[in-house]
PDB file of all heavy atoms in Angstrom:
ATOM      1  N   ARG A   1       2.450  -0.668  -1.688  1.00  0.00           N
ATOM      2  CA  ARG A   1       1.184  -0.451  -0.979  1.00  0.00           C
ATOM      3  C   ARG A   1       1.380  -0.486   0.531  1.00  0.00           C
ATOM      4  O   ARG A   1       0.743   0.264   1.256  1.00  0.00           O
ATOM      5  CB  ARG A   1       0.153  -1.485  -1.412  1.00  0.00           C
ATOM      6  CG  ARG A   1      -0.422  -1.167  -2.783  1.00  0.00           C
ATOM      7  CD  ARG A   1      -1.433  -2.183  -3.178  1.00  0.00           C
ATOM      8  NE  ARG A   1      -0.673  -3.326  -3.694  1.00  0.00           N
ATOM      9  CZ  ARG A   1      -1.142  -4.533  -3.861  1.00  0.00           C
ATOM     10  NH1 ARG A   1      -2.380  -4.800  -3.542  1.00  0.00           N
ATOM     11  NH2 ARG A   1      -0.399  -5.502  -4.329  1.00  0.00           N
ATOM     12  N   ALA A   2       2.278  -1.344   1.027  1.00  0.00           N
ATOM     13  CA  ALA A   2       2.536  -1.409   2.464  1.00  0.00           C
ATOM     14  C   ALA A   2       3.162  -0.118   2.964  1.00  0.00           C
ATOM     15  O   ALA A   2       2.815   0.377   4.035  1.00  0.00           O
ATOM     16  CB  ALA A   2       3.435  -2.593   2.787  1.00  0.00           C
ATOM     17  N   GLU A   3       4.075   0.435   2.182  1.00  0.00           N
ATOM     18  CA  GLU A   3       4.699   1.696   2.589  1.00  0.00           C
ATOM     19  C   GLU A   3       3.698   2.840   2.557  1.00  0.00           C
ATOM     20  O   GLU A   3       3.707   3.706   3.430  1.00  0.00           O
ATOM     21  CB  GLU A   3       5.897   1.991   1.690  1.00  0.00           C
ATOM     22  CG  GLU A   3       7.056   1.057   1.939  1.00  0.00           C
ATOM     23  CD  GLU A   3       8.183   1.221   0.949  1.00  0.00           C
ATOM     24  OE1 GLU A   3       8.042   1.988  -0.028  1.00  0.00           O
ATOM     25  OE2 GLU A   3       9.219   0.570   1.157  1.00  0.00           O
ATOM     26  N   GLU A   4       2.827   2.851   1.555  1.00  0.00           N
ATOM     27  CA  GLU A   4       1.789   3.885   1.501  1.00  0.00           C
ATOM     28  C   GLU A   4       0.807   3.731   2.650  1.00  0.00           C
ATOM     29  O   GLU A   4       0.389   4.713   3.251  1.00  0.00           O
ATOM     30  CB  GLU A   4       1.052   3.813   0.168  1.00  0.00           C
ATOM     31  CG  GLU A   4       1.896   4.220  -1.014  1.00  0.00           C
ATOM     32  CD  GLU A   4       1.233   3.911  -2.352  1.00  0.00           C
ATOM     33  OE1 GLU A   4       0.125   3.331  -2.376  1.00  0.00           O
ATOM     34  OE2 GLU A   4       1.832   4.252  -3.372  1.00  0.00           O
ATOM     35  N   ALA A   5       0.455   2.486   2.951  1.00  0.00           N
ATOM     36  CA  ALA A   5      -0.487   2.240   4.042  1.00  0.00           C
ATOM     37  C   ALA A   5       0.120   2.626   5.388  1.00  0.00           C
ATOM     38  O   ALA A   5      -0.594   3.047   6.291  1.00  0.00           O
ATOM     39  CB  ALA A   5      -0.915   0.780   4.060  1.00  0.00           C
ATOM     40  N   SER A   6       1.446   2.479   5.525  1.00  0.00           N
ATOM     41  CA  SER A   6       2.075   2.805   6.803  1.00  0.00           C
ATOM     42  C   SER A   6       1.945   4.287   7.127  1.00  0.00           C
ATOM     43  O   SER A   6       1.987   4.683   8.281  1.00  0.00           O
ATOM     44  CB  SER A   6       3.541   2.388   6.813  1.00  0.00           C
ATOM     45  OG  SER A   6       4.303   3.227   5.981  1.00  0.00           O
ATOM     46  N   ALA A   7       1.785   5.097   6.098  1.00  0.00           N
ATOM     47  CA  ALA A   7       1.634   6.535   6.332  1.00  0.00           C
ATOM     48  C   ALA A   7       0.261   6.863   6.914  1.00  0.00           C
ATOM     49  O   ALA A   7       0.106   7.853   7.618  1.00  0.00           O
ATOM     50  CB  ALA A   7       1.841   7.305   5.035  1.00  0.00           C
ATOM     51  N   THR A   8      -0.721   6.014   6.645  1.00  0.00           N
ATOM     52  CA  THR A   8      -2.075   6.302   7.112  1.00  0.00           C
ATOM     53  C   THR A   8      -2.572   5.333   8.175  1.00  0.00           C
ATOM     54  O   THR A   8      -3.402   5.702   8.988  1.00  0.00           O
ATOM     55  CB  THR A   8      -3.069   6.270   5.932  1.00  0.00           C
ATOM     56  OG1 THR A   8      -3.013   4.981   5.310  1.00  0.00           O
ATOM     57  CG2 THR A   8      -2.726   7.348   4.917  1.00  0.00           C
ATOM     58  N   ALA A   9      -2.054   4.102   8.174  1.00  0.00           N
ATOM     59  CA  ALA A   9      -2.542   3.095   9.123  1.00  0.00           C
ATOM     60  C   ALA A   9      -1.777   3.213  10.431  1.00  0.00           C
ATOM     61  O   ALA A   9      -0.594   3.494  10.452  1.00  0.00           O
ATOM     62  CB  ALA A   9      -2.371   1.697   8.552  1.00  0.00           C
ATOM     63  N   SER A  10      -2.473   2.983  11.504  1.00  0.00           N
ATOM     64  CA  SER A  10      -1.851   3.008  12.821  1.00  0.00           C
ATOM     65  C   SER A  10      -1.615   1.580  13.276  1.00  0.00           C
ATOM     66  O   SER A  10      -2.530   0.772  13.316  1.00  0.00           O
ATOM     67  CB  SER A  10      -2.767   3.726  13.817  1.00  0.00           C
ATOM     68  OG  SER A  10      -2.208   3.668  15.103  1.00  0.00           O
ATOM     69  N   LEU A  11      -0.388   1.277  13.624  1.00  0.00           N
ATOM     70  CA  LEU A  11      -0.022  -0.053  14.095  1.00  0.00           C
ATOM     71  C   LEU A  11      -0.043  -0.031  15.619  1.00  0.00           C
ATOM     72  O   LEU A  11       0.655   0.773  16.232  1.00  0.00           O
ATOM     73  CB  LEU A  11       1.369  -0.423  13.577  1.00  0.00           C
ATOM     74  CG  LEU A  11       1.950  -1.731  14.045  1.00  0.00           C
ATOM     75  CD1 LEU A  11       1.085  -2.889  13.533  1.00  0.00           C
ATOM     76  CD2 LEU A  11       3.360  -1.882  13.519  1.00  0.00           C
ATOM     77  N   ARG A  12      -0.823  -0.895  16.219  1.00  0.00           N
ATOM     78  CA  ARG A  12      -0.922  -0.938  17.669  1.00  0.00           C
ATOM     79  C   ARG A  12       0.252  -1.719  18.237  1.00  0.00           C
ATOM     80  O   ARG A  12       0.302  -2.925  18.141  1.00  0.00           O
ATOM     81  CB  ARG A  12      -2.228  -1.602  18.108  1.00  0.00           C
ATOM     82  CG  ARG A  12      -3.488  -0.870  17.710  1.00  0.00           C
ATOM     83  CD  ARG A  12      -3.659   0.475  18.337  1.00  0.00           C
ATOM     84  NE  ARG A  12      -3.647   0.403  19.773  1.00  0.00           N
ATOM     85  CZ  ARG A  12      -3.464   1.428  20.561  1.00  0.00           C
ATOM     86  NH1 ARG A  12      -3.296   2.615  20.071  1.00  0.00           N
ATOM     87  NH2 ARG A  12      -3.446   1.282  21.860  1.00  0.00           N
ATOM     88  N   LEU A  13       1.220  -1.017  18.823  1.00  0.00           N
ATOM     89  CA  LEU A  13       2.366  -1.657  19.437  1.00  0.00           C
ATOM     90  C   LEU A  13       2.207  -1.788  20.941  1.00  0.00           C
ATOM     91  O   LEU A  13       2.895  -2.556  21.570  1.00  0.00           O
ATOM     92  CB  LEU A  13       3.645  -0.867  19.139  1.00  0.00           C
ATOM     93  CG  LEU A  13       4.049  -0.805  17.679  1.00  0.00           C
ATOM     94  CD1 LEU A  13       5.250   0.115  17.518  1.00  0.00           C
ATOM     95  CD2 LEU A  13       4.370  -2.179  17.147  1.00  0.00           C
ATOM     96  N   PHE A  14       1.291  -1.014  21.503  1.00  0.00           N
ATOM     97  CA  PHE A  14       1.088  -1.035  22.931  1.00  0.00           C
ATOM     98  C   PHE A  14      -0.356  -1.441  23.227  1.00  0.00           C
ATOM     99  O   PHE A  14      -1.271  -1.106  22.491  1.00  0.00           O
ATOM    100  CB  PHE A  14       1.316   0.353  23.550  1.00  0.00           C
ATOM    101  CG  PHE A  14       2.698   0.885  23.330  1.00  0.00           C
ATOM    102  CD1 PHE A  14       2.962   1.788  22.319  1.00  0.00           C
ATOM    103  CD2 PHE A  14       3.739   0.469  24.142  1.00  0.00           C
ATOM    104  CE1 PHE A  14       4.232   2.278  22.125  1.00  0.00           C
ATOM    105  CE2 PHE A  14       5.011   0.957  23.952  1.00  0.00           C
ATOM    106  CZ  PHE A  14       5.259   1.865  22.946  1.00  0.00           C
ATOM    107  N   GLU A  15      -0.534  -2.140  24.308  1.00  0.00           N
ATOM    108  CA  GLU A  15      -1.883  -2.441  24.775  1.00  0.00           C
ATOM    109  C   GLU A  15      -2.437  -1.186  25.457  1.00  0.00           C
ATOM    110  O   GLU A  15      -1.676  -0.379  25.994  1.00  0.00           O
ATOM    111  CB  GLU A  15      -1.854  -3.602  25.777  1.00  0.00           C
ATOM    112  CG  GLU A  15      -1.464  -4.923  25.161  1.00  0.00           C
ATOM    113  CD  GLU A  15      -2.414  -5.372  24.069  1.00  0.00           C
ATOM    114  OE1 GLU A  15      -3.636  -5.223  24.229  1.00  0.00           O
ATOM    115  OE2 GLU A  15      -1.926  -5.851  23.039  1.00  0.00           O
ATOM    116  N   PRO A  16      -3.751  -1.005  25.434  1.00  0.00           N
ATOM    117  CA  PRO A  16      -4.320   0.170  26.109  1.00  0.00           C
ATOM    118  C   PRO A  16      -3.909   0.193  27.585  1.00  0.00           C
ATOM    119  O   PRO A  16      -3.887  -0.835  28.245  1.00  0.00           O
ATOM    120  CB  PRO A  16      -5.835  -0.032  25.980  1.00  0.00           C
ATOM    121  CG  PRO A  16      -5.992  -0.966  24.823  1.00  0.00           C
ATOM    122  CD  PRO A  16      -4.756  -1.818  24.796  1.00  0.00           C
ATOM    123  N   GLU A  17      -3.589   1.356  28.068  1.00  0.00           N
ATOM    124  CA  GLU A  17      -3.126   1.526  29.436  1.00  0.00           C
ATOM    125  C   GLU A  17      -4.238   2.137  30.290  1.00  0.00           C
ATOM    126  O   GLU A  17      -5.009   2.965  29.819  1.00  0.00           O
ATOM    127  CB  GLU A  17      -1.910   2.461  29.472  1.00  0.00           C
ATOM    128  CG  GLU A  17      -0.705   1.911  28.761  1.00  0.00           C
ATOM    129  CD  GLU A  17       0.005   0.841  29.567  1.00  0.00           C
ATOM    130  OE1 GLU A  17      -0.177   0.785  30.801  1.00  0.00           O
ATOM    131  OE2 GLU A  17       0.725   0.054  28.954  1.00  0.00           O
ATOM    132  N   ALA A  18      -4.280   1.740  31.550  1.00  0.00           N
ATOM    133  CA  ALA A  18      -5.234   2.330  32.475  1.00  0.00           C
ATOM    134  C   ALA A  18      -4.808   3.744  32.856  1.00  0.00           C
ATOM    135  O   ALA A  18      -5.632   4.603  33.115  1.00  0.00           O
ATOM    136  CB  ALA A  18      -5.365   1.459  33.722  1.00  0.00           C
ATOM    137  N   ASP A  19      -3.516   3.984  32.888  1.00  0.00           N
ATOM    138  CA  ASP A  19      -2.965   5.287  33.236  1.00  0.00           C
ATOM    139  C   ASP A  19      -3.077   6.212  32.019  1.00  0.00           C
ATOM    140  O   ASP A  19      -2.496   5.942  30.973  1.00  0.00           O
ATOM    141  CB  ASP A  19      -1.505   5.111  33.648  1.00  0.00           C
ATOM    142  CG  ASP A  19      -0.814   6.417  33.993  1.00  0.00           C
ATOM    143  OD1 ASP A  19      -1.491   7.465  34.017  1.00  0.00           O
ATOM    144  OD2 ASP A  19       0.402   6.378  34.242  1.00  0.00           O
ATOM    145  N   PRO A  20      -3.804   7.315  32.116  1.00  0.00           N
ATOM    146  CA  PRO A  20      -3.979   8.200  30.963  1.00  0.00           C
ATOM    147  C   PRO A  20      -2.654   8.773  30.440  1.00  0.00           C
ATOM    148  O   PRO A  20      -2.494   8.955  29.246  1.00  0.00           O
ATOM    149  CB  PRO A  20      -4.889   9.309  31.459  1.00  0.00           C
ATOM    150  CG  PRO A  20      -5.263   8.994  32.846  1.00  0.00           C
ATOM    151  CD  PRO A  20      -4.528   7.776  33.275  1.00  0.00           C
ATOM    152  N   ASP A  21      -1.707   9.050  31.336  1.00  0.00           N
ATOM    153  CA  ASP A  21      -0.419   9.565  30.885  1.00  0.00           C
ATOM    154  C   ASP A  21       0.333   8.511  30.080  1.00  0.00           C
ATOM    155  O   ASP A  21       0.941   8.825  29.057  1.00  0.00           O
ATOM    156  CB  ASP A  21       0.438  10.018  32.072  1.00  0.00           C
ATOM    157  CG  ASP A  21      -0.123  11.265  32.741  1.00  0.00           C
ATOM    158  OD1 ASP A  21      -0.813  12.047  32.054  1.00  0.00           O
ATOM    159  OD2 ASP A  21       0.126  11.454  33.947  1.00  0.00           O
ATOM    160  N   ALA A  22       0.292   7.271  30.549  1.00  0.00           N
ATOM    161  CA  ALA A  22       0.955   6.187  29.825  1.00  0.00           C
ATOM    162  C   ALA A  22       0.275   5.956  28.484  1.00  0.00           C
ATOM    163  O   ALA A  22       0.946   5.709  27.477  1.00  0.00           O
ATOM    164  CB  ALA A  22       0.942   4.906  30.654  1.00  0.00           C
ATOM    165  N   ALA A  23      -1.044   6.055  28.447  1.00  0.00           N
ATOM    166  CA  ALA A  23      -1.773   5.878  27.193  1.00  0.00           C
ATOM    167  C   ALA A  23      -1.426   6.989  26.204  1.00  0.00           C
ATOM    168  O   ALA A  23      -1.236   6.732  25.010  1.00  0.00           O
ATOM    169  CB  ALA A  23      -3.276   5.852  27.462  1.00  0.00           C
ATOM    170  N   GLU A  24      -1.320   8.201  26.704  1.00  0.00           N
ATOM    171  CA  GLU A  24      -0.942   9.334  25.846  1.00  0.00           C
ATOM    172  C   GLU A  24       0.467   9.150  25.302  1.00  0.00           C
ATOM    173  O   GLU A  24       0.725   9.356  24.117  1.00  0.00           O
ATOM    174  CB  GLU A  24      -1.035  10.647  26.632  1.00  0.00           C
ATOM    175  CG  GLU A  24      -0.556  11.869  25.888  1.00  0.00           C
ATOM    176  CD  GLU A  24      -1.452  12.270  24.724  1.00  0.00           C
ATOM    177  OE1 GLU A  24      -2.632  11.860  24.693  1.00  0.00           O
ATOM    178  OE2 GLU A  24      -0.960  12.985  23.831  1.00  0.00           O
ATOM    179  N   PHE A  25       1.390   8.745  26.172  1.00  0.00           N
ATOM    180  CA  PHE A  25       2.765   8.507  25.752  1.00  0.00           C
ATOM    181  C   PHE A  25       2.826   7.396  24.704  1.00  0.00           C
ATOM    182  O   PHE A  25       3.482   7.541  23.665  1.00  0.00           O
ATOM    183  CB  PHE A  25       3.637   8.147  26.956  1.00  0.00           C
ATOM    184  CG  PHE A  25       5.043   7.792  26.583  1.00  0.00           C
ATOM    185  CD1 PHE A  25       5.954   8.774  26.217  1.00  0.00           C
ATOM    186  CD2 PHE A  25       5.461   6.467  26.595  1.00  0.00           C
ATOM    187  CE1 PHE A  25       7.252   8.444  25.866  1.00  0.00           C
ATOM    188  CE2 PHE A  25       6.756   6.138  26.243  1.00  0.00           C
ATOM    189  CZ  PHE A  25       7.660   7.118  25.880  1.00  0.00           C
ATOM    190  N   ALA A  26       2.134   6.287  24.960  1.00  0.00           N
ATOM    191  CA  ALA A  26       2.130   5.162  24.020  1.00  0.00           C
ATOM    192  C   ALA A  26       1.559   5.587  22.671  1.00  0.00           C
ATOM    193  O   ALA A  26       2.083   5.217  21.617  1.00  0.00           O
ATOM    194  CB  ALA A  26       1.319   3.996  24.594  1.00  0.00           C
ATOM    195  N   GLY A  27       0.515   6.389  22.691  1.00  0.00           N
ATOM    196  CA  GLY A  27      -0.079   6.880  21.446  1.00  0.00           C
ATOM    197  C   GLY A  27       0.877   7.755  20.659  1.00  0.00           C
ATOM    198  O   GLY A  27       0.964   7.656  19.430  1.00  0.00           O
ATOM    199  N   ARG A  28       1.608   8.597  21.348  1.00  0.00           N
ATOM    200  CA  ARG A  28       2.577   9.469  20.669  1.00  0.00           C
ATOM    201  C   ARG A  28       3.749   8.674  20.099  1.00  0.00           C
ATOM    202  O   ARG A  28       4.222   8.963  18.998  1.00  0.00           O
ATOM    203  CB  ARG A  28       3.077  10.554  21.622  1.00  0.00           C
ATOM    204  CG  ARG A  28       2.029  11.605  21.899  1.00  0.00           C
ATOM    205  CD  ARG A  28       2.559  12.682  22.798  1.00  0.00           C
ATOM    206  NE  ARG A  28       1.492  13.617  23.114  1.00  0.00           N
ATOM    207  CZ  ARG A  28       1.714  14.876  23.435  1.00  0.00           C
ATOM    208  NH1 ARG A  28       2.939  15.353  23.477  1.00  0.00           N
ATOM    209  NH2 ARG A  28       0.701  15.666  23.710  1.00  0.00           N
ATOM    210  N   VAL A  29       4.212   7.681  20.856  1.00  0.00           N
ATOM    211  CA  VAL A  29       5.305   6.840  20.355  1.00  0.00           C
ATOM    212  C   VAL A  29       4.842   6.067  19.122  1.00  0.00           C
ATOM    213  O   VAL A  29       5.546   5.995  18.117  1.00  0.00           O
ATOM    214  CB  VAL A  29       5.827   5.884  21.450  1.00  0.00           C
ATOM    215  CG1 VAL A  29       6.785   4.850  20.876  1.00  0.00           C
ATOM    216  CG2 VAL A  29       6.518   6.671  22.555  1.00  0.00           C
ATOM    217  N   GLU A  30       3.639   5.492  19.187  1.00  0.00           N
ATOM    218  CA  GLU A  30       3.094   4.768  18.030  1.00  0.00           C
ATOM    219  C   GLU A  30       2.977   5.671  16.812  1.00  0.00           C
ATOM    220  O   GLU A  30       3.347   5.284  15.707  1.00  0.00           O
ATOM    221  CB  GLU A  30       1.713   4.203  18.368  1.00  0.00           C
ATOM    222  CG  GLU A  30       1.761   2.947  19.166  1.00  0.00           C
ATOM    223  CD  GLU A  30       0.367   2.392  19.399  1.00  0.00           C
ATOM    224  OE1 GLU A  30      -0.447   2.406  18.457  1.00  0.00           O
ATOM    225  OE2 GLU A  30       0.112   1.948  20.521  1.00  0.00           O
ATOM    226  N   ALA A  31       2.456   6.867  17.018  1.00  0.00           N
ATOM    227  CA  ALA A  31       2.298   7.799  15.895  1.00  0.00           C
ATOM    228  C   ALA A  31       3.655   8.154  15.298  1.00  0.00           C
ATOM    229  O   ALA A  31       3.816   8.190  14.071  1.00  0.00           O
ATOM    230  CB  ALA A  31       1.575   9.062  16.361  1.00  0.00           C
ATOM    231  N   ALA A  32       4.634   8.377  16.147  1.00  0.00           N
ATOM    232  CA  ALA A  32       5.976   8.711  15.657  1.00  0.00           C
ATOM    233  C   ALA A  32       6.577   7.538  14.894  1.00  0.00           C
ATOM    234  O   ALA A  32       7.160   7.714  13.820  1.00  0.00           O
ATOM    235  CB  ALA A  32       6.877   9.105  16.825  1.00  0.00           C
ATOM    236  N   LEU A  33       6.436   6.330  15.420  1.00  0.00           N
ATOM    237  CA  LEU A  33       6.981   5.159  14.730  1.00  0.00           C
ATOM    238  C   LEU A  33       6.282   4.911  13.400  1.00  0.00           C
ATOM    239  O   LEU A  33       6.914   4.512  12.425  1.00  0.00           O
ATOM    240  CB  LEU A  33       6.869   3.915  15.618  1.00  0.00           C
ATOM    241  CG  LEU A  33       7.863   3.844  16.769  1.00  0.00           C
ATOM    242  CD1 LEU A  33       7.552   2.664  17.677  1.00  0.00           C
ATOM    243  CD2 LEU A  33       9.287   3.755  16.254  1.00  0.00           C
ATOM    244  N   ASN A  34       4.994   5.154  13.351  1.00  0.00           N
ATOM    245  CA  ASN A  34       4.249   4.937  12.111  1.00  0.00           C
ATOM    246  C   ASN A  34       4.623   5.931  11.016  1.00  0.00           C
ATOM    247  O   ASN A  34       4.360   5.691   9.849  1.00  0.00           O
ATOM    248  CB  ASN A  34       2.742   4.963  12.363  1.00  0.00           C
ATOM    249  CG  ASN A  34       2.266   3.685  13.006  1.00  0.00           C
ATOM    250  OD1 ASN A  34       2.812   2.618  12.762  1.00  0.00           O
ATOM    251  ND2 ASN A  34       1.255   3.784  13.836  1.00  0.00           N
ATOM    252  N   GLU A  35       5.249   7.040  11.389  1.00  0.00           N
ATOM    253  CA  GLU A  35       5.698   8.012  10.402  1.00  0.00           C
ATOM    254  C   GLU A  35       7.041   7.635   9.790  1.00  0.00           C
ATOM    255  O   GLU A  35       7.416   8.169   8.754  1.00  0.00           O
ATOM    256  CB  GLU A  35       5.807   9.402  11.039  1.00  0.00           C
ATOM    257  CG  GLU A  35       4.456   9.993  11.398  1.00  0.00           C
ATOM    258  CD  GLU A  35       4.572  11.363  12.059  1.00  0.00           C
ATOM    259  OE1 GLU A  35       5.662  11.973  11.989  1.00  0.00           O
ATOM    260  OE2 GLU A  35       3.582  11.811  12.641  1.00  0.00           O
ATOM    261  N   LEU A  36       7.754   6.705  10.425  1.00  0.00           N
ATOM    262  CA  LEU A  36       9.069   6.309   9.925  1.00  0.00           C
ATOM    263  C   LEU A  36       8.946   5.404   8.705  1.00  0.00           C
ATOM    264  O   LEU A  36       7.985   4.631   8.592  1.00  0.00           O
ATOM    265  CB  LEU A  36       9.839   5.537  11.011  1.00  0.00           C
ATOM    266  CG  LEU A  36      10.240   6.309  12.252  1.00  0.00           C
ATOM    267  CD1 LEU A  36      10.869   5.361  13.267  1.00  0.00           C
ATOM    268  CD2 LEU A  36      11.200   7.428  11.908  1.00  0.00           C
ATOM    269  N   PRO A  37       9.931   5.453   7.808  1.00  0.00           N
ATOM    270  CA  PRO A  37       9.975   4.482   6.719  1.00  0.00           C
ATOM    271  C   PRO A  37      10.137   3.070   7.294  1.00  0.00           C
ATOM    272  O   PRO A  37      10.661   2.903   8.402  1.00  0.00           O
ATOM    273  CB  PRO A  37      11.212   4.883   5.916  1.00  0.00           C
ATOM    274  CG  PRO A  37      11.519   6.281   6.325  1.00  0.00           C
ATOM    275  CD  PRO A  37      10.986   6.437   7.721  1.00  0.00           C
ATOM    276  N   THR A  38       9.708   2.073   6.554  1.00  0.00           N
ATOM    277  CA  THR A  38       9.738   0.685   7.024  1.00  0.00           C
ATOM    278  C   THR A  38      11.123   0.284   7.508  1.00  0.00           C
ATOM    279  O   THR A  38      11.253  -0.357   8.556  1.00  0.00           O
ATOM    280  CB  THR A  38       9.262  -0.260   5.908  1.00  0.00           C
ATOM    281  OG1 THR A  38       7.949   0.118   5.520  1.00  0.00           O
ATOM    282  CG2 THR A  38       9.259  -1.701   6.372  1.00  0.00           C
ATOM    283  N   GLU A  39      12.173   0.653   6.778  1.00  0.00           N
ATOM    284  CA  GLU A  39      13.525   0.248   7.145  1.00  0.00           C
ATOM    285  C   GLU A  39      13.914   0.783   8.521  1.00  0.00           C
ATOM    286  O   GLU A  39      14.504   0.075   9.325  1.00  0.00           O
ATOM    287  CB  GLU A  39      14.550   0.732   6.105  1.00  0.00           C
ATOM    288  CG  GLU A  39      14.404   0.090   4.750  1.00  0.00           C
ATOM    289  CD  GLU A  39      13.353   0.766   3.867  1.00  0.00           C
ATOM    290  OE1 GLU A  39      12.881   1.875   4.223  1.00  0.00           O
ATOM    291  OE2 GLU A  39      13.000   0.174   2.835  1.00  0.00           O
TER     292      GLU A  39
END
């Protein structure tokens, strides 16, 4: 269930950024990491 949830749930690894470019970058990195298998 954790592996299935990782495909749909977003894990917040970064705090919201005031800089829109940094926020966009952080969002893309989070999305990419959340697509990876747990290992």
